[in-house]
Protein backbone atom coordinates (compact mmCIF):
# COMPACT_ATOMS: atom_id res chain seq x y z
CA MET A 1 -20.54 -39.08 65.96
CA VAL A 2 -17.11 -37.50 66.42
CA ARG A 3 -17.29 -33.91 65.14
CA TRP A 4 -14.03 -33.99 63.24
CA LEU A 5 -14.55 -37.41 61.63
CA PRO A 6 -16.67 -36.21 58.64
CA TYR A 7 -14.07 -33.55 57.84
CA PHE A 8 -11.26 -36.11 58.17
CA ILE A 9 -12.96 -38.38 55.63
CA ALA A 10 -13.84 -35.38 53.43
CA GLY A 11 -10.19 -34.34 53.49
CA ARG A 12 -9.17 -37.84 52.40
CA TYR A 13 -11.67 -37.64 49.54
CA LEU A 14 -10.36 -34.21 48.55
CA ARG A 15 -6.73 -35.36 48.42
CA SER A 16 -7.34 -38.75 46.85
CA ARG A 17 -7.23 -39.34 43.10
CA LYS A 18 -10.67 -39.53 41.56
CA SER A 19 -11.72 -42.41 39.31
CA HIS A 20 -12.08 -39.94 36.44
CA SER A 21 -9.29 -37.41 35.90
CA VAL A 22 -11.80 -34.88 34.57
CA ILE A 23 -13.18 -34.55 38.12
CA ASN A 24 -9.77 -33.40 39.32
CA ILE A 25 -9.63 -30.84 36.50
CA ILE A 26 -13.14 -29.57 37.19
CA SER A 27 -12.39 -29.36 40.91
CA GLY A 28 -9.34 -27.19 40.17
CA VAL A 29 -11.34 -24.97 37.82
CA SER A 30 -14.07 -24.69 40.44
CA VAL A 31 -11.58 -23.60 43.10
CA ALA A 32 -10.10 -20.99 40.76
CA ALA A 33 -13.55 -19.76 39.75
CA MET A 34 -14.51 -19.27 43.39
CA ALA A 35 -11.19 -17.68 44.37
CA THR A 36 -11.34 -15.01 41.66
CA PRO A 37 -14.40 -13.08 42.99
CA VAL A 38 -12.99 -13.29 46.53
CA ALA A 39 -9.80 -11.57 45.37
CA ALA A 40 -11.83 -9.10 43.30
CA MET A 41 -13.98 -8.19 46.32
CA VAL A 42 -10.92 -7.52 48.50
CA ILE A 43 -9.35 -5.38 45.77
CA LEU A 44 -12.56 -3.44 45.07
CA LEU A 45 -13.13 -2.63 48.74
CA SER A 46 -9.48 -1.58 49.06
CA VAL A 47 -9.83 0.68 46.02
CA PHE A 48 -12.81 2.44 47.58
CA ASN A 49 -10.89 2.76 50.85
CA GLY A 50 -8.01 4.35 48.93
CA LEU A 51 -10.29 6.77 47.10
CA GLU A 52 -12.02 7.70 50.36
CA GLY A 53 -8.66 8.27 52.04
CA MET A 54 -7.52 10.45 49.14
CA VAL A 55 -10.72 12.50 49.27
CA ARG A 56 -10.43 12.89 53.03
CA SER A 57 -6.84 14.09 52.79
CA LEU A 58 -7.82 16.45 49.98
CA TYR A 59 -10.78 17.95 51.80
CA ALA A 60 -9.01 18.04 55.17
CA ALA A 61 -7.73 21.46 54.09
CA VAL A 62 -11.32 22.59 53.44
CA ASP A 63 -13.71 20.84 55.79
CA ALA A 64 -13.54 21.27 59.54
CA ASP A 65 -14.13 18.34 61.89
CA ILE A 66 -17.29 20.03 63.20
CA THR A 67 -19.33 22.93 61.84
CA VAL A 68 -21.87 24.91 63.90
CA ARG A 69 -24.29 27.01 61.85
CA ALA A 70 -27.74 28.51 62.01
CA ALA A 71 -30.59 26.10 61.32
CA GLU A 72 -32.27 28.86 59.29
CA GLY A 73 -30.65 31.73 57.42
CA THR A 74 -27.06 32.23 56.33
CA THR A 75 -25.69 34.16 59.33
CA PHE A 76 -26.25 34.49 63.07
CA GLU A 77 -25.23 36.80 65.90
CA LEU A 78 -22.02 35.57 67.52
CA ALA A 79 -23.20 36.94 70.85
CA ARG A 80 -26.09 34.45 70.96
CA VAL A 81 -23.66 31.50 71.09
CA ASP A 82 -21.52 30.76 74.12
CA THR A 83 -18.23 30.40 72.24
CA ALA A 84 -16.24 30.30 75.49
CA ALA A 85 -18.17 27.22 76.65
CA MET A 86 -17.65 25.61 73.26
CA ARG A 87 -13.89 26.20 73.38
CA SER A 88 -13.69 24.61 76.81
CA ALA A 89 -15.91 21.64 75.90
CA ALA A 90 -14.28 18.23 76.21
CA GLY A 91 -12.71 17.11 72.96
CA VAL A 92 -12.54 20.57 71.34
CA GLU A 93 -8.97 21.48 70.43
CA ALA A 94 -9.68 24.77 68.63
CA LEU A 95 -12.68 26.87 67.59
CA ALA A 96 -12.90 29.72 65.06
CA PRO A 97 -15.72 31.84 63.60
CA VAL A 98 -16.21 32.03 59.83
CA LEU A 99 -18.16 34.52 57.71
CA GLU A 100 -18.52 33.55 54.07
CA GLN A 101 -20.49 35.36 51.37
CA GLY A 102 -20.26 35.91 47.64
CA ALA A 103 -18.26 38.92 46.39
CA MET A 104 -16.53 40.23 43.30
CA ALA A 105 -12.74 40.46 43.05
CA GLU A 106 -10.89 42.88 40.77
CA ALA A 107 -7.21 43.17 39.87
CA ALA A 108 -5.48 44.81 36.91
CA GLY A 109 -8.78 45.56 35.22
CA ARG A 110 -10.02 41.95 35.39
CA ARG A 111 -12.93 40.76 37.52
CA THR A 112 -14.27 37.46 38.81
CA ILE A 113 -16.76 36.18 41.38
CA VAL A 114 -15.28 34.71 44.58
CA ARG A 115 -16.43 33.28 47.86
CA LEU A 116 -14.97 35.70 50.37
CA ARG A 117 -14.32 33.91 53.65
CA GLY A 118 -13.54 35.82 56.80
CA ILE A 119 -11.73 33.69 59.37
CA GLY A 120 -10.92 34.00 63.06
CA GLU A 121 -7.46 33.81 64.59
CA GLU A 122 -7.64 30.08 65.35
CA TYR A 123 -8.80 29.05 61.88
CA GLY A 124 -5.35 27.80 60.95
CA ARG A 125 -5.46 25.33 63.87
CA VAL A 126 -8.90 24.08 62.82
CA VAL A 127 -8.33 23.70 59.07
CA PRO A 128 -4.74 23.24 57.79
CA VAL A 129 -5.28 25.25 54.62
CA ALA A 130 -1.87 26.89 55.12
CA GLN A 131 -0.31 23.61 53.95
CA THR A 132 -1.72 24.20 50.47
CA VAL A 133 -0.07 27.63 49.96
CA TYR A 134 2.31 27.42 47.00
CA ASN A 135 3.49 31.03 46.96
CA GLY A 136 3.68 33.60 49.74
CA THR A 137 2.25 32.96 53.21
CA PHE A 138 -1.16 32.26 54.68
CA THR A 139 -1.51 35.60 56.48
CA VAL A 140 -4.69 37.66 56.74
CA ALA A 141 -3.84 39.89 59.71
CA VAL A 142 -0.64 41.16 61.33
CA GLY A 143 -1.32 43.77 63.96
CA GLU A 144 -3.41 46.46 62.27
CA ASP A 145 -2.44 45.35 58.77
CA ARG A 146 -4.87 43.26 56.72
CA SER A 147 -4.25 41.11 53.65
CA ALA A 148 -5.89 38.39 51.54
CA VAL A 149 -4.99 34.85 50.49
CA VAL A 150 -6.32 33.91 47.05
CA GLY A 151 -7.05 30.53 45.44
CA HIS A 152 -5.29 29.40 42.28
CA ARG A 153 -8.46 29.57 40.15
CA THR A 154 -9.18 33.14 41.21
CA ALA A 155 -5.55 34.04 40.55
CA GLN A 156 -5.77 32.63 37.03
CA GLU A 157 -8.98 34.50 36.24
CA LEU A 158 -7.47 37.74 37.53
CA GLY A 159 -4.28 37.19 35.54
CA MET A 160 -2.12 36.96 38.66
CA SER A 161 1.08 34.88 38.64
CA ARG A 162 3.51 33.54 41.23
CA GLN A 163 5.21 36.93 41.19
CA SER A 164 1.95 38.68 42.08
CA ALA A 165 2.24 38.21 45.84
CA GLY A 166 2.07 41.69 47.29
CA ASP A 167 -0.13 43.03 44.51
CA THR A 168 -3.48 44.54 45.44
CA VAL A 169 -6.87 42.92 44.87
CA ALA A 170 -10.14 44.78 45.41
CA PHE A 171 -13.27 43.10 46.76
CA TYR A 172 -16.78 44.37 46.10
CA ALA A 173 -19.84 43.33 48.10
CA ILE A 174 -23.39 44.58 48.42
CA ASN A 175 -23.74 47.16 51.19
CA ARG A 176 -26.90 46.06 52.94
CA ALA A 177 -26.99 49.25 55.02
CA ARG A 178 -27.48 51.64 52.13
CA ILE A 179 -28.63 49.63 49.12
CA SER A 180 -31.19 51.49 47.04
CA SER A 181 -33.10 50.48 43.92
CA LEU A 182 -33.05 54.14 42.79
CA LEU A 183 -29.29 54.69 43.23
CA PRO A 184 -27.69 51.22 42.99
CA VAL A 185 -24.25 52.66 42.15
CA GLY A 186 -23.54 53.46 45.77
CA GLY A 187 -25.01 50.23 47.09
CA TYR A 188 -21.74 48.34 47.43
CA THR A 189 -18.68 48.25 49.62
CA ARG A 190 -15.18 48.23 48.16
CA ARG A 191 -12.07 47.14 49.99
CA ALA A 192 -8.58 46.80 48.46
CA LEU A 193 -6.12 44.44 50.15
CA PRO A 194 -2.60 43.24 49.35
CA VAL A 195 -2.29 39.55 48.43
CA ALA A 196 -0.17 37.69 50.99
CA GLY A 197 -0.20 34.32 49.24
CA PHE A 198 -1.80 31.85 46.87
CA TYR A 199 -3.09 28.36 47.70
CA SER A 200 -4.19 25.41 45.58
CA ILE A 201 -6.55 22.62 46.64
CA ASP A 202 -8.86 21.73 43.75
CA ASP A 203 -11.02 23.55 41.20
CA GLU A 204 -14.12 23.30 43.39
CA ASN A 205 -12.45 25.24 46.20
CA GLY A 206 -10.16 27.40 44.08
CA ASP A 207 -12.51 30.41 44.18
CA VAL A 208 -12.33 31.03 47.95
CA ALA A 209 -10.47 34.16 49.04
CA PHE A 210 -9.49 34.37 52.72
CA VAL A 211 -9.53 37.61 54.72
CA SER A 212 -9.68 38.36 58.43
CA MET A 213 -12.99 38.04 60.26
CA ASP A 214 -13.28 41.74 61.03
CA GLU A 215 -12.48 42.60 57.42
CA ALA A 216 -15.26 40.34 56.13
CA GLN A 217 -17.73 41.79 58.62
CA ARG A 218 -16.80 45.26 57.40
CA ILE A 219 -17.09 44.39 53.71
CA PHE A 220 -20.46 42.64 54.09
CA ASN A 221 -21.72 45.06 56.75
CA TYR A 222 -22.30 42.13 59.09
CA ALA A 223 -20.91 43.49 62.35
CA GLY A 224 -20.87 40.86 65.09
CA ARG A 225 -22.23 38.14 62.80
CA ALA A 226 -20.83 34.88 61.43
CA SER A 227 -22.01 32.21 59.04
CA ALA A 228 -20.49 29.34 61.04
CA LEU A 229 -18.24 28.23 63.86
CA VAL A 230 -15.72 25.55 62.92
CA ALA A 231 -14.06 23.28 65.46
CA LYS A 232 -11.07 20.95 65.55
CA VAL A 233 -11.59 17.70 67.45
CA ALA A 234 -8.71 16.45 69.58
CA ASP A 235 -6.93 13.34 68.33
CA GLY A 236 -8.51 10.12 69.55
CA THR A 237 -11.80 11.82 70.41
CA ASP A 238 -15.15 10.74 68.99
CA ALA A 239 -16.39 13.53 66.73
CA ASP A 240 -20.04 12.53 67.15
CA GLY A 241 -19.77 12.78 70.92
CA VAL A 242 -18.14 16.22 70.69
CA ALA A 243 -20.85 17.33 68.26
CA ALA A 244 -23.54 16.23 70.72
CA ARG A 245 -21.91 18.28 73.50
CA LEU A 246 -21.64 21.33 71.25
CA GLN A 247 -25.29 20.94 70.24
CA GLU A 248 -26.29 21.14 73.92
CA ILE A 249 -24.26 24.34 74.30
CA ALA A 250 -25.50 25.89 71.05
CA GLY A 251 -29.14 25.25 71.90
CA GLY A 252 -32.14 25.60 69.63
CA GLY A 253 -31.93 27.40 66.32
CA MET A 254 -28.41 26.04 65.67
CA GLU A 255 -27.29 22.80 64.06
CA VAL A 256 -24.00 21.01 64.64
CA LEU A 257 -22.62 18.90 61.82
CA THR A 258 -19.61 16.59 61.67
CA ARG A 259 -17.47 16.54 58.54
CA GLU A 260 -19.34 13.49 57.22
CA ARG A 261 -22.73 15.17 57.66
CA SER A 262 -21.75 18.57 56.30
CA ASN A 263 -20.13 17.22 53.13
CA SER A 264 -22.33 14.80 51.17
CA ILE A 265 -19.37 13.38 49.25
CA TYR A 266 -18.41 11.21 52.25
CA ARG A 267 -21.90 9.71 52.50
CA LEU A 268 -21.96 9.19 48.74
CA MET A 269 -18.66 7.33 48.79
CA ALA A 270 -19.85 5.11 51.66
CA LEU A 271 -23.03 4.25 49.75
CA GLU A 272 -21.01 3.51 46.62
CA LYS A 273 -18.66 1.23 48.55
CA TRP A 274 -21.45 -0.87 50.05
CA GLY A 275 -23.32 -0.84 46.75
CA VAL A 276 -20.25 -2.32 45.09
CA PHE A 277 -19.97 -4.80 47.96
CA ALA A 278 -23.57 -5.94 47.36
CA VAL A 279 -22.94 -6.38 43.63
CA ALA A 280 -19.66 -8.21 44.28
CA LEU A 281 -21.44 -10.44 46.81
CA LEU A 282 -24.00 -11.32 44.15
CA VAL A 283 -21.20 -12.19 41.72
CA LEU A 284 -19.55 -14.22 44.47
CA ALA A 285 -22.81 -16.10 45.09
CA VAL A 286 -23.09 -16.92 41.39
CA ALA A 287 -19.45 -18.04 41.29
CA SER A 288 -20.01 -20.27 44.31
CA LEU A 289 -22.54 -22.22 42.23
CA THR A 290 -19.57 -23.75 40.42
CA VAL A 291 -19.11 -25.90 43.49
CA VAL A 292 -22.48 -27.54 42.76
CA GLY A 293 -21.24 -29.49 39.76
CA THR A 294 -18.04 -30.45 41.56
CA ILE A 295 -19.90 -31.80 44.60
CA VAL A 296 -22.37 -33.69 42.43
CA MET A 297 -19.57 -35.42 40.52
CA ILE A 298 -17.68 -36.20 43.74
CA MET A 299 -20.80 -37.70 45.29
CA ILE A 300 -21.35 -39.85 42.21
CA ASP A 301 -17.68 -40.84 42.17
CA LYS A 302 -17.72 -41.74 45.88
CA ARG A 303 -21.12 -43.42 45.82
CA ASP A 304 -19.63 -46.86 46.47
CA ASP A 305 -17.56 -45.50 49.36
CA ALA A 306 -20.68 -43.95 50.85
CA ALA A 307 -22.52 -47.24 50.54
CA THR A 308 -19.64 -48.98 52.29
CA LEU A 309 -19.81 -46.45 55.13
CA ARG A 310 -23.55 -47.04 55.45
CA THR A 311 -22.92 -50.80 55.63
CA MET A 312 -20.39 -50.18 58.40
CA GLY A 313 -23.06 -48.36 60.39
CA ALA A 314 -22.68 -44.75 59.31
CA SER A 315 -25.94 -42.80 59.32
CA ARG A 316 -27.24 -40.67 56.46
CA ALA A 317 -26.54 -37.64 58.64
CA MET A 318 -22.87 -38.61 58.75
CA VAL A 319 -22.77 -39.14 54.97
CA ARG A 320 -24.38 -35.75 54.54
CA ALA A 321 -21.80 -34.22 56.89
CA ILE A 322 -18.95 -35.80 54.91
CA PHE A 323 -20.05 -34.33 51.57
CA VAL A 324 -20.95 -30.99 53.16
CA GLY A 325 -17.46 -31.01 54.64
CA GLU A 326 -16.08 -31.76 51.16
CA GLY A 327 -17.81 -28.68 49.79
CA ASN A 328 -16.69 -26.57 52.75
CA LEU A 329 -13.09 -27.68 52.27
CA LEU A 330 -13.24 -26.76 48.58
CA ALA A 331 -14.66 -23.38 49.55
CA ALA A 332 -11.96 -22.96 52.21
CA VAL A 333 -9.19 -23.65 49.70
CA SER A 334 -10.67 -21.17 47.23
CA LEU A 335 -11.18 -18.64 50.03
CA VAL A 336 -7.55 -18.85 51.14
CA LEU A 337 -6.30 -18.58 47.55
CA GLY A 338 -8.61 -15.63 46.87
CA LEU A 339 -7.62 -13.79 50.03
CA VAL A 340 -3.91 -14.37 49.39
CA LEU A 341 -4.28 -13.11 45.82
CA GLY A 342 -6.42 -10.10 46.75
CA VAL A 343 -4.35 -9.06 49.77
CA GLY A 344 -1.10 -9.65 47.89
CA LEU A 345 -2.09 -7.52 44.88
CA THR A 346 -3.42 -4.79 47.16
CA LEU A 347 -0.22 -4.66 49.21
CA LEU A 348 1.86 -4.59 46.01
CA GLN A 349 -0.20 -1.66 44.76
CA GLN A 350 0.26 0.14 48.07
CA THR A 351 4.01 -0.38 48.21
CA VAL A 352 5.15 -0.64 44.59
CA GLY A 353 2.35 0.99 42.62
CA LEU A 354 1.53 -1.56 39.93
CA VAL A 355 -1.19 0.63 38.39
CA ARG A 356 -0.26 4.24 37.75
CA LEU A 357 -2.35 7.21 36.65
CA GLN A 358 -1.13 8.89 33.51
CA THR A 359 -2.58 12.31 34.28
CA ALA A 360 -1.32 15.59 35.62
CA THR A 361 -4.68 16.78 36.96
CA LEU A 362 -4.63 14.68 40.13
CA MET A 363 -2.50 14.98 43.26
CA VAL A 364 -1.35 11.34 43.05
CA ASP A 365 0.28 9.35 40.25
CA VAL A 366 -0.45 5.90 41.73
CA TYR A 367 -3.96 4.49 41.91
CA PRO A 368 -4.85 4.77 45.61
CA VAL A 369 -5.71 1.60 47.53
CA GLU A 370 -5.94 1.00 51.25
CA LEU A 371 -6.29 -2.45 52.80
CA HIS A 372 -8.54 -2.73 55.86
CA ALA A 373 -8.55 -5.89 57.97
CA ALA A 374 -12.30 -5.47 58.57
CA ASP A 375 -12.98 -5.71 54.83
CA VAL A 376 -10.94 -8.91 54.57
CA VAL A 377 -12.83 -10.45 57.49
CA LEU A 378 -16.19 -9.31 56.07
CA THR A 379 -15.35 -10.83 52.68
CA ALA A 380 -14.29 -14.11 54.26
CA VAL A 381 -17.42 -14.35 56.43
CA ALA A 382 -19.77 -13.45 53.54
CA TYR A 383 -18.16 -15.96 51.19
CA ALA A 384 -18.05 -18.72 53.80
CA ALA A 385 -21.75 -18.23 54.57
CA VAL A 386 -22.78 -18.27 50.90
CA ALA A 387 -20.63 -21.29 50.04
CA HIS A 388 -21.90 -23.24 53.07
CA VAL A 389 -25.54 -22.61 52.15
CA VAL A 390 -24.96 -23.65 48.52
CA THR A 391 -23.11 -26.78 49.63
CA ARG A 392 -25.81 -27.87 52.10
CA LEU A 393 -28.57 -27.33 49.54
CA THR A 394 -26.64 -29.29 46.90
CA VAL A 395 -25.84 -32.24 49.17
CA GLY A 396 -29.39 -32.30 50.54
CA ALA A 397 -30.87 -32.38 47.04
CA MET A 398 -28.51 -35.18 45.94
CA LEU A 399 -29.27 -37.35 48.98
CA LYS A 400 -32.97 -36.81 48.46
CA GLU A 401 -32.73 -38.01 44.87
CA ASN A 402 -30.40 -40.92 45.65
CA THR A 403 -31.85 -42.94 48.51
CA THR A 404 -29.19 -45.64 48.20
CA ILE A 405 -26.56 -43.45 49.81
């Protein structure tokens, strides 16, 4: 049997006028019903890609590509880690120490709790937080002078405005060297610094105040210690491979985490995306059942033609292949229509912005979507597989019940 012959005959059946016009109508409805979930799946996956891209761009000013920290405890001795070897490791573009602890900030008689983060000289190359500064400059050290950069939430709670750059803010932290339960008044360290600038990322990270590394070590009485080392991975380099090399250098007692492992929001979004894909695939499988009724009616309508083919010497296998091809062609038409609709709407949203967000609390005013070719291919393969299985089962059941064909 010529491979293309069943599909040639199936194509003739698909284009020909049926004996009952209702079959043509139902076939069209079936194609539309199957195309709709295909388009919806492409759009849903693109929406999750857009949200993930927005989150990544948002947290790029917060999360480093790679974080090296102690497996136990909150700080570690910098001397125990070969930072020089880490800086020279393949794929590492920049490396900076970080010391972060809780502290209290005070300005103009108002107080609030902050996360005081001491940063090394290369921190700006690792994390582009300077891009989020809306007033002043991202400067924590110039020569012997020291200053602080404060988040927008901390600035609001301290009553500081855009004109407050240059004002002084005092930081208080527990002095672990002389804390006493009998005389707790003297058990803290106070350090007043001028504010060099204000930054704004989001409310979750708006309570971080940046100071120089040596200043943080002085305030927390953590000389020579850090809470983490953060690294920037060179463009085009695999972050997991760089993390593995840094883990070998760091040795036991240290853990090396990529951005995806250190921030659970990335893993959560990935799980949500594939959870939605599974649900959409289930909906798509249910929608593909609409082809069952269409194939059954076509087989009944073309029963005489099938009998004629059998008389001419066609085997039951060829008849089966013809009607399976009919179902596959219906699925192919619906797949193309669904992909065109889904891809078209997604590209329109990307370029024109059909759906807009009426809110001032987000950084974007257009609902974010991002079309990935891999998602389109995955949708097409999943739908084709489901539709083919449904078609084969339907044709097989019909031929089993009708032995005359």
